[in-house]
Amino acid sequence: MFGLFIQHAMWIMFLLLVWTLPWKGWALWLAAKRGDKGWFIVLLILNTLAVLEIIYIFAITKRKDSTDTDRQNEGVDGTTTHETIQ
């Protein structure tokens, strides 16, 4: 009976590993590439079964990308580039 439990537990652990590893790798790669040291450390230490990694990939990076784009389009006087051109 105990051997059967161990056998099932091993399969569950294997499936969790197969699910979590790609998400963690992608999130860590993005955090390193973007220079998000805090996020990198949190993602490296915490194991949330890929929930936090998915949130980082699809929510945090998208939100930061849009704010970075807005900042790049601002001129010195606070106007956007398309306002300056007109």
C-alpha atoms as a PDB file:
ATOM      1  CA  MET A   1       0.000   0.000   0.000  1.00  0.00           C
ATOM      2  CA  PHE A   2       2.746   2.466   0.954  1.00  0.00           C
ATOM      3  CA  GLY A   3       4.717   1.533  -2.167  1.00  0.00           C
ATOM      4  CA  LEU A   4       1.729   2.414  -4.346  1.00  0.00           C
ATOM      5  CA  PHE A   5       1.463   5.802  -2.631  1.00  0.00           C
ATOM      6  CA  ILE A   6       5.158   6.488  -3.272  1.00  0.00           C
ATOM      7  CA  GLN A   7       4.738   5.462  -6.908  1.00  0.00           C
ATOM      8  CA  HIS A   8       1.819   7.872  -7.408  1.00  0.00           C
ATOM      9  CA  ALA A   9       3.659  10.628  -5.564  1.00  0.00           C
ATOM     10  CA  MET A  10       6.635  10.224  -7.898  1.00  0.00           C
ATOM     11  CA  TRP A  11       4.404  10.628 -10.963  1.00  0.00           C
ATOM     12  CA  ILE A  12       2.767  13.712  -9.486  1.00  0.00           C
ATOM     13  CA  MET A  13       6.166  15.221  -8.701  1.00  0.00           C
ATOM     14  CA  PHE A  14       7.358  14.473 -12.240  1.00  0.00           C
ATOM     15  CA  LEU A  15       4.279  16.131 -13.772  1.00  0.00           C
ATOM     16  CA  LEU A  16       4.682  19.178 -11.542  1.00  0.00           C
ATOM     17  CA  LEU A  17       8.326  19.428 -12.550  1.00  0.00           C
ATOM     18  CA  VAL A  18       7.461  19.198 -16.254  1.00  0.00           C
ATOM     19  CA  TRP A  19       4.794  21.918 -15.779  1.00  0.00           C
ATOM     20  CA  THR A  20       6.866  24.289 -13.614  1.00  0.00           C
ATOM     21  CA  LEU A  21      10.338  24.177 -15.155  1.00  0.00           C
ATOM     22  CA  PRO A  22       9.574  25.807 -18.546  1.00  0.00           C
ATOM     23  CA  TRP A  23       7.532  28.601 -16.933  1.00  0.00           C
ATOM     24  CA  LYS A  24      10.232  29.274 -14.327  1.00  0.00           C
ATOM     25  CA  GLY A  25      12.954  29.270 -16.971  1.00  0.00           C
ATOM     26  CA  TRP A  26      11.064  31.711 -19.216  1.00  0.00           C
ATOM     27  CA  ALA A  27      10.217  34.052 -16.333  1.00  0.00           C
ATOM     28  CA  LEU A  28      13.791  34.014 -14.997  1.00  0.00           C
ATOM     29  CA  TRP A  29      15.147  34.660 -18.478  1.00  0.00           C
ATOM     30  CA  LEU A  30      12.799  37.637 -18.947  1.00  0.00           C
ATOM     31  CA  ALA A  31      13.606  39.053 -15.511  1.00  0.00           C
ATOM     32  CA  ALA A  32      17.354  38.790 -16.172  1.00  0.00           C
ATOM     33  CA  LYS A  33      17.025  40.261 -19.653  1.00  0.00           C
ATOM     34  CA  ARG A  34      14.978  43.202 -18.344  1.00  0.00           C
ATOM     35  CA  GLY A  35      17.240  43.799 -15.331  1.00  0.00           C
ATOM     36  CA  ASP A  36      14.483  43.101 -12.785  1.00  0.00           C
ATOM     37  CA  LYS A  37      16.746  41.909  -9.969  1.00  0.00           C
ATOM     38  CA  GLY A  38      13.982  41.857  -7.357  1.00  0.00           C
ATOM     39  CA  TRP A  39      11.659  39.806  -9.530  1.00  0.00           C
ATOM     40  CA  PHE A  40      14.525  37.479 -10.462  1.00  0.00           C
ATOM     41  CA  ILE A  41      15.258  36.723  -6.801  1.00  0.00           C
ATOM     42  CA  VAL A  42      11.572  36.241  -5.927  1.00  0.00           C
ATOM     43  CA  LEU A  43      10.985  33.942  -8.905  1.00  0.00           C
ATOM     44  CA  LEU A  44      14.123  31.964  -8.123  1.00  0.00           C
ATOM     45  CA  ILE A  45      13.314  31.400  -4.445  1.00  0.00           C
ATOM     46  CA  LEU A  46       9.535  30.960  -4.372  1.00  0.00           C
ATOM     47  CA  ASN A  47       7.846  27.901  -5.813  1.00  0.00           C
ATOM     48  CA  THR A  48       4.238  28.737  -6.636  1.00  0.00           C
ATOM     49  CA  LEU A  49       3.701  25.939  -9.185  1.00  0.00           C
ATOM     50  CA  ALA A  50       4.209  28.483 -12.003  1.00  0.00           C
ATOM     51  CA  VAL A  51       1.401  30.817 -10.918  1.00  0.00           C
ATOM     52  CA  LEU A  52       3.718  33.732 -10.070  1.00  0.00           C
ATOM     53  CA  GLU A  53       5.817  33.065 -13.163  1.00  0.00           C
ATOM     54  CA  ILE A  54       2.780  33.221 -15.457  1.00  0.00           C
ATOM     55  CA  ILE A  55       1.630  36.461 -13.804  1.00  0.00           C
ATOM     56  CA  TYR A  56       5.089  37.960 -14.291  1.00  0.00           C
ATOM     57  CA  ILE A  57       5.311  36.900 -17.941  1.00  0.00           C
ATOM     58  CA  PHE A  58       1.860  38.011 -19.055  1.00  0.00           C
ATOM     59  CA  ALA A  59       0.965  40.874 -16.708  1.00  0.00           C
ATOM     60  CA  ILE A  60       4.046  42.524 -15.220  1.00  0.00           C
ATOM     61  CA  THR A  61       6.223  42.558 -18.345  1.00  0.00           C
ATOM     62  CA  LYS A  62       3.367  43.798 -20.556  1.00  0.00           C
ATOM     63  CA  ARG A  63       2.520  46.608 -18.129  1.00  0.00           C
ATOM     64  CA  LYS A  64       6.161  47.673 -17.860  1.00  0.00           C
ATOM     65  CA  ASP A  65       6.594  47.554 -21.652  1.00  0.00           C
ATOM     66  CA  SER A  66       3.647  49.898 -22.167  1.00  0.00           C
ATOM     67  CA  THR A  67       4.916  52.418 -19.579  1.00  0.00           C
ATOM     68  CA  ASP A  68       8.422  52.307 -21.074  1.00  0.00           C
ATOM     69  CA  THR A  69       6.983  53.018 -24.534  1.00  0.00           C
ATOM     70  CA  ASP A  70       4.994  55.962 -23.164  1.00  0.00           C
ATOM     71  CA  ARG A  71       8.134  57.400 -21.557  1.00  0.00           C
ATOM     72  CA  GLN A  72      10.107  57.039 -24.792  1.00  0.00           C
ATOM     73  CA  ASN A  73       7.419  58.953 -26.707  1.00  0.00           C
ATOM     74  CA  GLU A  74       7.474  61.915 -24.281  1.00  0.00           C
ATOM     75  CA  GLY A  75       9.450  64.975 -25.292  1.00  0.00           C
ATOM     76  CA  VAL A  76      11.519  67.176 -23.013  1.00  0.00           C
ATOM     77  CA  ASP A  77       8.570  69.516 -22.362  1.00  0.00           C
ATOM     78  CA  GLY A  78       6.204  66.620 -21.537  1.00  0.00           C
ATOM     79  CA  THR A  79       4.454  66.527 -24.915  1.00  0.00           C
ATOM     80  CA  THR A  80       4.340  63.337 -26.914  1.00  0.00           C
ATOM     81  CA  THR A  81       6.254  63.090 -30.158  1.00  0.00           C
ATOM     82  CA  HIS A  82       3.145  63.058 -32.325  1.00  0.00           C
ATOM     83  CA  GLU A  83       1.940  66.293 -30.621  1.00  0.00           C
ATOM     84  CA  THR A  84       5.282  67.930 -31.347  1.00  0.00           C
ATOM     85  CA  ILE A  85       5.157  66.977 -35.042  1.00  0.00           C
ATOM     86  CA  GLN A  86       1.722  68.461 -35.658  1.00  0.00           C
END
